[in-house]
Amino acid sequence: MKDAEVLLVQTLKIKRTDLTVALAKMNDYKKIKVPKKRGGFRTIYIPPSSLKIIQRLILRKLFYHLHTWKPPEICGLYRGTLFFTNAWLHRNNRWVFQLDLADAFPSASVELLRKIIEDKVNRELCQLFRDELEVRGPASVFQRTRWGNNLSEQFTFPSFCQEFPNLHKEITDLIMRLTTFRGLVPQGTPTAPFLFYLVLVDRLWSDFSSVFPWFPEKQDKFQFAKSVYVDGFVASAQKPIPEENRRAAIKAVESAGFKVNPQKVSHRDVRQGNVLITGLRVIHRRDGQNYVVFPKRKIRKWRGLIHRAIYEPELRPKALGIVAGLRPIYHSADFPPDLDLPSEIAPYTPPFPSQLKKPYKQLLQQIQKEKENARP
């Protein structure tokens, strides 16, 4: 087994045979076509189970460790980020410009990804061996990497670089083989969102956000806010966003190798009431405590589903999941239990929808009643 494979096996804490099987299956993706809401199809790549397990481990034990910077404006791709934040950032503005990418994941540049990951792996290796040498000495490095037989007891960091000058490239190549497919990022794999996230953070986000500068010290009349949820970009302002800025934003996206979905480009005034940001509406209040809520039609739909769940047990997991998804957006002193929201967000969360309180309480009472009747 090559040195790069040995290091990846140790990092992921797997057996050598697990990696061997995954590499043998890396071209055995199953492709399915999923219809889009507005016509057309999206190709989803389903990796074989042995490869999918390795991809999940790469995501959790390698990617999240290599990249820890989380810009607060980028939501939905990095663990711990919420779609709610994407809308909340624009609560104080009146005009919203939105655009979505077409086939975002497959359009991500694999060559750019290779450079990004190679640089991160190289820096991580350098830091690993520096730390080991300073804290534990050469013997620890030998034991940890299993490369000790090839090096002398006078091991130093420069000698490691001379002995394994291409290790970071070999590891990167191995990672790319396990996470990409025929020169593209396959949508549907555990690692695809994070790979797109790396491209987004490294280049696309800075190009897009630079089009909408904010200069509070100059009392800027626009007061731009910017965010992105997965592949949906949002810019908002106090006044109508100039056409030149909107064109420049589209150009920035295309310069990064992506295409804009023309059906999902809009520029609207939130006072019209039909502007949705990640499925949420912005509500402007006279006291300045603006917030975001779900549209009324959604609340009515969920109210009916919760009512049905009282008498149809198979619907209860979905109903309870809906209520759980509402908790970051709404608050109540006693119903449902509050989440620990960030202090800057908590004052701007509206009360829990009154239409849902009664059916949800009835659902909980029915569940409790059935539990009591089932006791011996």
Protein backbone atom coordinates (compact mmCIF):
# COMPACT_ATOMS: atom_id res chain seq x y z
CA MET A 1 0.00 0.00 0.00
CA LYS A 2 1.30 3.45 -0.92
CA ASP A 3 2.26 6.03 1.72
CA ALA A 4 -0.73 8.23 0.84
CA GLU A 5 -3.10 5.29 1.26
CA VAL A 6 -1.53 4.37 4.59
CA LEU A 7 -1.98 7.90 5.90
CA LEU A 8 -5.61 8.08 4.71
CA VAL A 9 -6.39 4.71 6.31
CA GLN A 10 -4.97 5.94 9.61
CA THR A 11 -6.77 9.28 9.39
CA LEU A 12 -10.15 7.70 8.68
CA LYS A 13 -9.50 4.82 11.10
CA ILE A 14 -10.54 2.14 8.65
CA LYS A 15 -9.15 -1.16 7.46
CA ARG A 16 -6.90 -1.29 4.42
CA THR A 17 -9.37 -3.61 2.71
CA ASP A 18 -12.12 -0.97 3.13
CA LEU A 19 -10.09 1.52 1.10
CA THR A 20 -9.15 -1.10 -1.49
CA VAL A 21 -12.80 -2.02 -2.04
CA ALA A 22 -13.86 1.65 -2.27
CA LEU A 23 -11.19 2.36 -4.89
CA ALA A 24 -12.32 -0.63 -6.91
CA LYS A 25 -15.91 0.68 -6.85
CA MET A 26 -15.20 4.36 -7.57
CA ASN A 27 -16.65 4.14 -11.11
CA ASP A 28 -19.75 2.16 -10.15
CA TYR A 29 -22.10 5.08 -9.56
CA LYS A 30 -25.81 4.65 -10.23
CA LYS A 31 -27.29 7.61 -12.11
CA ILE A 32 -30.93 8.60 -11.74
CA LYS A 33 -32.91 11.48 -13.22
CA VAL A 34 -34.99 13.57 -10.80
CA PRO A 35 -37.57 15.99 -12.25
CA LYS A 36 -37.18 19.67 -11.34
CA LYS A 37 -40.13 21.77 -10.17
CA ARG A 38 -39.92 24.08 -13.18
CA GLY A 39 -39.25 21.45 -15.81
CA GLY A 40 -36.22 19.46 -16.84
CA PHE A 41 -34.27 16.88 -14.89
CA ARG A 42 -31.42 16.81 -12.40
CA THR A 43 -28.90 13.97 -12.48
CA ILE A 44 -28.24 12.36 -9.10
CA TYR A 45 -25.23 10.09 -8.65
CA ILE A 46 -25.62 7.33 -6.07
CA PRO A 47 -22.26 5.84 -5.02
CA PRO A 48 -21.95 2.15 -4.02
CA SER A 49 -22.30 1.63 -0.28
CA SER A 50 -18.61 0.83 0.27
CA LEU A 51 -17.57 4.11 -1.39
CA LYS A 52 -20.32 6.12 0.29
CA ILE A 53 -19.06 5.05 3.73
CA ILE A 54 -15.55 6.27 2.88
CA GLN A 55 -16.94 9.56 1.55
CA ARG A 56 -18.80 10.17 4.79
CA LEU A 57 -15.62 9.55 6.76
CA ILE A 58 -13.62 11.86 4.49
CA LEU A 59 -16.21 14.57 5.09
CA ARG A 60 -16.34 14.17 8.86
CA LYS A 61 -12.75 13.29 9.75
CA LEU A 62 -10.82 15.11 7.03
CA PHE A 63 -12.69 17.90 5.27
CA TYR A 64 -14.21 19.44 8.39
CA HIS A 65 -10.79 19.31 10.01
CA LEU A 66 -8.95 20.84 7.07
CA HIS A 67 -11.39 23.72 6.66
CA THR A 68 -12.86 25.32 9.78
CA TRP A 69 -13.57 28.85 8.54
CA LYS A 70 -17.33 29.49 8.28
CA PRO A 71 -18.34 32.86 6.82
CA PRO A 72 -21.66 33.70 8.54
CA GLU A 73 -23.24 34.73 5.24
CA ILE A 74 -22.81 31.27 3.67
CA CYS A 75 -25.57 28.93 4.82
CA GLY A 76 -26.76 25.42 4.16
CA LEU A 77 -23.50 23.77 3.14
CA TYR A 78 -21.48 23.68 6.37
CA ARG A 79 -22.79 21.86 9.41
CA GLY A 80 -24.44 24.13 11.96
CA THR A 81 -25.69 26.69 9.42
CA LEU A 82 -29.42 27.39 9.06
CA PHE A 83 -31.63 28.44 6.15
CA PHE A 84 -33.27 30.81 8.64
CA THR A 85 -30.06 32.86 8.90
CA ASN A 86 -30.01 33.33 5.13
CA ALA A 87 -33.31 35.22 5.30
CA TRP A 88 -32.74 36.91 8.66
CA LEU A 89 -29.66 38.76 7.38
CA HIS A 90 -31.94 40.72 5.01
CA ARG A 91 -34.70 41.59 7.47
CA ASN A 92 -33.89 45.33 7.53
CA ASN A 93 -33.76 45.92 3.77
CA ARG A 94 -36.60 46.61 1.35
CA TRP A 95 -35.27 45.52 -2.04
CA VAL A 96 -34.07 41.98 -2.70
CA PHE A 97 -32.06 40.68 -5.65
CA GLN A 98 -31.84 36.89 -5.98
CA LEU A 99 -30.22 34.47 -8.40
CA ASP A 100 -29.66 30.72 -8.46
CA LEU A 101 -26.97 28.70 -10.18
CA ALA A 102 -27.80 26.11 -12.81
CA ASP A 103 -26.28 22.67 -12.10
CA ALA A 104 -24.04 24.12 -9.41
CA PHE A 105 -22.31 20.99 -8.11
CA PRO A 106 -21.33 19.44 -11.48
CA SER A 107 -20.17 22.87 -12.67
CA ALA A 108 -17.64 23.28 -9.84
CA SER A 109 -14.10 23.25 -11.20
CA VAL A 110 -12.39 19.99 -10.26
CA GLU A 111 -9.00 21.48 -11.09
CA LEU A 112 -9.61 24.40 -8.73
CA LEU A 113 -10.76 21.94 -6.07
CA ARG A 114 -7.58 19.94 -6.52
CA LYS A 115 -5.46 23.05 -5.91
CA ILE A 116 -7.49 24.06 -2.85
CA ILE A 117 -7.34 20.60 -1.25
CA GLU A 118 -3.68 20.10 -2.14
CA ASP A 119 -2.76 23.35 -0.43
CA LYS A 120 -4.77 22.46 2.69
CA VAL A 121 -3.29 18.95 2.86
CA ASN A 122 0.24 20.28 2.47
CA ARG A 123 -0.22 22.82 5.28
CA GLU A 124 -1.80 20.17 7.49
CA LEU A 125 1.10 17.77 6.96
CA CYS A 126 3.61 20.50 7.72
CA GLN A 127 1.81 21.40 10.93
CA LEU A 128 1.41 17.75 11.94
CA PHE A 129 5.12 16.98 11.70
CA ARG A 130 6.18 20.25 13.31
CA ASP A 131 3.89 19.59 16.27
CA GLU A 132 5.03 16.00 16.65
CA LEU A 133 8.71 16.92 16.51
CA GLU A 134 8.38 19.76 19.01
CA VAL A 135 6.18 17.95 21.52
CA ARG A 136 7.02 14.25 21.30
CA GLY A 137 10.17 13.87 19.25
CA PRO A 138 11.01 11.79 16.17
CA ALA A 139 9.98 8.43 17.66
CA SER A 140 6.35 9.53 17.84
CA VAL A 141 6.35 10.53 14.19
CA PHE A 142 7.76 7.13 13.22
CA GLN A 143 5.08 5.31 15.17
CA ARG A 144 2.23 7.52 13.98
CA THR A 145 3.03 7.42 10.27
CA ARG A 146 4.73 4.02 9.94
CA TRP A 147 7.42 5.66 7.84
CA GLY A 148 10.12 5.34 10.49
CA ASN A 149 11.91 2.46 8.79
CA ASN A 150 12.79 4.72 5.88
CA LEU A 151 14.29 7.53 7.96
CA SER A 152 17.21 7.95 10.28
CA GLU A 153 17.04 8.70 13.99
CA GLN A 154 18.26 12.20 13.20
CA PHE A 155 14.89 12.89 11.57
CA THR A 156 14.02 16.56 11.04
CA PHE A 157 11.21 18.33 9.25
CA PRO A 158 13.42 19.37 6.28
CA SER A 159 14.49 15.76 5.83
CA PHE A 160 10.87 14.70 5.72
CA CYS A 161 10.17 17.20 2.93
CA GLN A 162 13.11 15.83 0.98
CA GLU A 163 12.12 12.19 1.56
CA PHE A 164 8.43 12.65 0.65
CA PRO A 165 8.26 15.74 -1.59
CA ASN A 166 5.07 14.69 -3.37
CA LEU A 167 3.11 13.19 -0.50
CA HIS A 168 0.56 16.03 -0.36
CA LYS A 169 -0.07 15.63 -4.11
CA GLU A 170 -0.52 11.88 -3.75
CA ILE A 171 -3.00 12.30 -0.88
CA THR A 172 -4.92 14.93 -2.85
CA ASP A 173 -5.08 12.68 -5.88
CA LEU A 174 -6.43 9.87 -3.70
CA ILE A 175 -9.09 12.13 -2.19
CA MET A 176 -10.16 13.39 -5.60
CA ARG A 177 -10.49 9.84 -6.95
CA LEU A 178 -12.74 8.94 -4.03
CA THR A 179 -14.96 12.05 -4.14
CA THR A 180 -15.27 13.03 -7.83
CA PHE A 181 -16.52 11.14 -10.86
CA ARG A 182 -15.26 11.55 -14.41
CA GLY A 183 -14.10 15.11 -13.94
CA LEU A 184 -17.09 16.48 -12.04
CA VAL A 185 -18.50 16.78 -8.53
CA PRO A 186 -21.30 14.18 -8.47
CA GLN A 187 -24.45 15.58 -6.89
CA GLY A 188 -25.92 13.09 -4.45
CA THR A 189 -22.72 12.08 -2.66
CA PRO A 190 -22.00 13.00 0.99
CA THR A 191 -18.98 15.08 -0.02
CA ALA A 192 -20.51 17.02 -2.96
CA PRO A 193 -21.96 19.93 -0.90
CA PHE A 194 -18.67 20.49 0.89
CA LEU A 195 -16.63 20.36 -2.32
CA PHE A 196 -18.90 23.02 -3.79
CA TYR A 197 -18.53 24.96 -0.53
CA LEU A 198 -14.74 25.02 -0.95
CA VAL A 199 -15.07 26.56 -4.43
CA LEU A 200 -17.65 28.99 -3.10
CA VAL A 201 -15.49 30.18 -0.22
CA ASP A 202 -12.25 30.25 -2.18
CA ARG A 203 -13.46 32.33 -5.10
CA LEU A 204 -17.12 32.71 -5.97
CA TRP A 205 -18.36 34.31 -2.75
CA SER A 206 -15.72 37.04 -2.69
CA ASP A 207 -16.39 37.90 -6.35
CA PHE A 208 -20.14 38.11 -5.76
CA SER A 209 -20.02 40.04 -2.49
CA SER A 210 -17.53 42.61 -3.85
CA VAL A 211 -20.25 43.79 -6.23
CA PHE A 212 -22.35 44.96 -3.27
CA PRO A 213 -20.03 46.96 -0.97
CA TRP A 214 -21.23 48.51 2.25
CA PHE A 215 -19.64 51.67 3.62
CA PRO A 216 -21.39 52.58 6.89
CA GLU A 217 -18.84 55.27 7.65
CA LYS A 218 -20.02 57.08 4.50
CA GLN A 219 -23.68 56.66 5.40
CA ASP A 220 -24.16 54.50 2.34
CA LYS A 221 -27.73 54.84 1.09
CA PHE A 222 -27.96 51.20 -0.06
CA GLN A 223 -26.65 49.42 3.06
CA PHE A 224 -26.19 46.18 1.15
CA ALA A 225 -26.59 42.80 2.84
CA LYS A 226 -25.40 39.61 1.14
CA SER A 227 -25.82 35.90 1.72
CA VAL A 228 -26.01 32.56 -0.04
CA TYR A 229 -27.91 29.38 0.77
CA VAL A 230 -26.33 26.43 -1.06
CA ASP A 231 -26.45 27.78 -4.64
CA GLY A 232 -29.00 30.58 -4.14
CA PHE A 233 -27.43 34.05 -3.87
CA VAL A 234 -29.18 37.00 -2.23
CA ALA A 235 -28.33 40.70 -2.09
CA SER A 236 -30.61 43.25 -0.47
CA ALA A 237 -30.59 47.01 -0.01
CA GLN A 238 -32.57 49.94 1.34
CA LYS A 239 -33.17 51.20 -2.19
CA PRO A 240 -33.57 49.55 -5.62
CA ILE A 241 -30.30 47.85 -6.52
CA PRO A 242 -28.79 49.47 -9.63
CA GLU A 243 -28.87 47.39 -12.80
CA GLU A 244 -25.10 47.70 -13.18
CA ASN A 245 -24.61 45.94 -9.84
CA ARG A 246 -27.00 43.17 -10.81
CA ARG A 247 -25.25 42.63 -14.13
CA ALA A 248 -21.88 42.63 -12.40
CA ALA A 249 -23.11 39.95 -9.98
CA ILE A 250 -24.17 37.69 -12.85
CA LYS A 251 -20.83 38.31 -14.58
CA ALA A 252 -18.97 37.36 -11.38
CA VAL A 253 -20.83 34.06 -11.27
CA GLU A 254 -20.12 33.29 -14.92
CA SER A 255 -16.45 34.25 -14.57
CA ALA A 256 -16.12 31.56 -11.90
CA GLY A 257 -17.30 28.92 -14.38
CA PHE A 258 -20.96 28.73 -13.33
CA LYS A 259 -24.20 29.50 -15.14
CA VAL A 260 -27.13 31.48 -13.78
CA ASN A 261 -30.60 29.96 -13.97
CA PRO A 262 -32.51 32.71 -15.85
CA GLN A 263 -35.83 31.54 -14.37
CA LYS A 264 -34.60 32.28 -10.85
CA VAL A 265 -33.32 35.83 -11.22
CA SER A 266 -35.49 38.45 -9.52
CA HIS A 267 -35.35 41.97 -8.11
CA ARG A 268 -38.34 42.91 -5.96
CA ASP A 269 -39.63 45.14 -3.21
CA VAL A 270 -40.42 43.12 -0.07
CA ARG A 271 -43.40 45.41 0.59
CA GLN A 272 -45.17 43.65 -2.26
CA GLY A 273 -45.50 40.65 0.04
CA ASN A 274 -44.54 37.96 -2.47
CA VAL A 275 -40.77 37.96 -1.94
CA LEU A 276 -39.48 34.74 -0.40
CA ILE A 277 -35.91 34.17 0.79
CA THR A 278 -35.27 30.47 1.37
CA GLY A 279 -39.02 30.02 1.64
CA LEU A 280 -39.40 32.76 4.29
CA ARG A 281 -41.05 36.19 4.17
CA VAL A 282 -39.56 39.36 5.62
CA ILE A 283 -41.99 41.25 7.89
CA HIS A 284 -41.32 44.95 8.50
CA ARG A 285 -42.61 46.40 11.77
CA ARG A 286 -43.05 50.03 12.74
CA ASP A 287 -40.93 49.56 15.85
CA GLY A 288 -38.01 48.42 13.70
CA GLN A 289 -37.99 44.86 15.08
CA ASN A 290 -38.33 43.18 11.70
CA TYR A 291 -38.39 39.41 11.44
CA VAL A 292 -38.92 36.51 9.03
CA VAL A 293 -41.81 34.04 8.96
CA PHE A 294 -43.18 31.22 6.85
CA PRO A 295 -45.93 32.20 4.37
CA LYS A 296 -49.50 31.80 5.60
CA ARG A 297 -50.26 29.17 2.98
CA LYS A 298 -47.50 26.98 4.45
CA ILE A 299 -48.88 27.40 7.96
CA ARG A 300 -52.39 26.42 6.75
CA LYS A 301 -51.01 23.35 5.01
CA TRP A 302 -49.07 22.26 8.11
CA ARG A 303 -52.11 22.89 10.33
CA GLY A 304 -54.09 20.37 8.30
CA LEU A 305 -51.30 17.82 8.43
CA ILE A 306 -50.96 18.11 12.23
CA HIS A 307 -54.74 17.67 12.57
CA ARG A 308 -54.59 14.49 10.49
CA ALA A 309 -51.63 13.19 12.52
CA ILE A 310 -53.83 13.09 15.63
CA TYR A 311 -55.78 10.20 14.10
CA GLU A 312 -53.21 8.87 11.62
CA PRO A 313 -50.11 7.69 13.51
CA GLU A 314 -48.06 7.23 10.31
CA LEU A 315 -48.10 11.02 9.83
CA ARG A 316 -46.81 11.84 13.31
CA PRO A 317 -43.06 11.74 12.57
CA LYS A 318 -43.57 14.25 9.77
CA ALA A 319 -45.81 16.48 11.90
CA LEU A 320 -43.39 16.50 14.82
CA GLY A 321 -40.52 17.19 12.41
CA ILE A 322 -42.35 20.22 11.03
CA VAL A 323 -42.82 21.69 14.50
CA ALA A 324 -39.17 21.05 15.32
CA GLY A 325 -38.20 22.93 12.15
CA LEU A 326 -40.25 25.94 13.25
CA ARG A 327 -38.49 26.42 16.56
CA PRO A 328 -35.46 28.35 15.30
CA ILE A 329 -37.83 30.83 13.62
CA TYR A 330 -40.57 31.35 16.20
CA HIS A 331 -40.54 31.72 19.97
CA SER A 332 -42.97 31.24 22.83
CA ALA A 333 -42.68 31.52 26.58
CA ASP A 334 -44.07 28.05 27.12
CA PHE A 335 -44.94 26.48 23.79
CA PRO A 336 -43.06 24.92 22.13
CA PRO A 337 -39.76 24.78 24.11
CA ASP A 338 -37.39 27.55 23.10
CA LEU A 339 -34.05 26.88 21.50
CA ASP A 340 -30.92 28.71 22.56
CA LEU A 341 -30.94 31.33 19.84
CA PRO A 342 -28.02 33.75 19.43
CA SER A 343 -28.61 36.89 21.51
CA GLU A 344 -28.67 39.12 18.42
CA ILE A 345 -31.40 37.02 16.79
CA ALA A 346 -33.68 36.14 19.70
CA PRO A 347 -35.44 39.58 19.96
CA TYR A 348 -36.46 39.34 16.31
CA THR A 349 -38.23 35.98 16.38
CA PRO A 350 -42.05 36.22 16.17
CA PRO A 351 -44.48 34.28 18.38
CA PHE A 352 -45.22 30.68 17.51
CA PRO A 353 -48.13 30.56 14.99
CA SER A 354 -51.41 30.55 16.89
CA GLN A 355 -53.03 28.38 14.17
CA LEU A 356 -50.70 25.52 15.07
CA LYS A 357 -50.85 25.68 18.86
CA LYS A 358 -54.20 23.94 19.36
CA PRO A 359 -53.72 21.02 16.95
CA TYR A 360 -50.16 20.49 18.17
CA LYS A 361 -51.30 20.34 21.81
CA GLN A 362 -54.03 17.87 20.83
CA LEU A 363 -51.45 15.75 19.04
CA LEU A 364 -49.19 15.65 22.09
CA GLN A 365 -52.14 14.79 24.34
CA GLN A 366 -53.16 11.94 22.04
CA ILE A 367 -49.62 10.55 21.98
CA GLN A 368 -49.44 10.72 25.78
CA LYS A 369 -52.86 9.07 26.12
CA GLU A 370 -51.83 6.17 23.89
CA LYS A 371 -48.63 5.70 25.89
CA GLU A 372 -50.59 5.51 29.15
CA ASN A 373 -53.07 3.02 27.70
CA ALA A 374 -50.23 0.84 26.46
CA ARG A 375 -48.70 0.52 29.93
CA PRO A 376 -49.33 -2.85 31.62
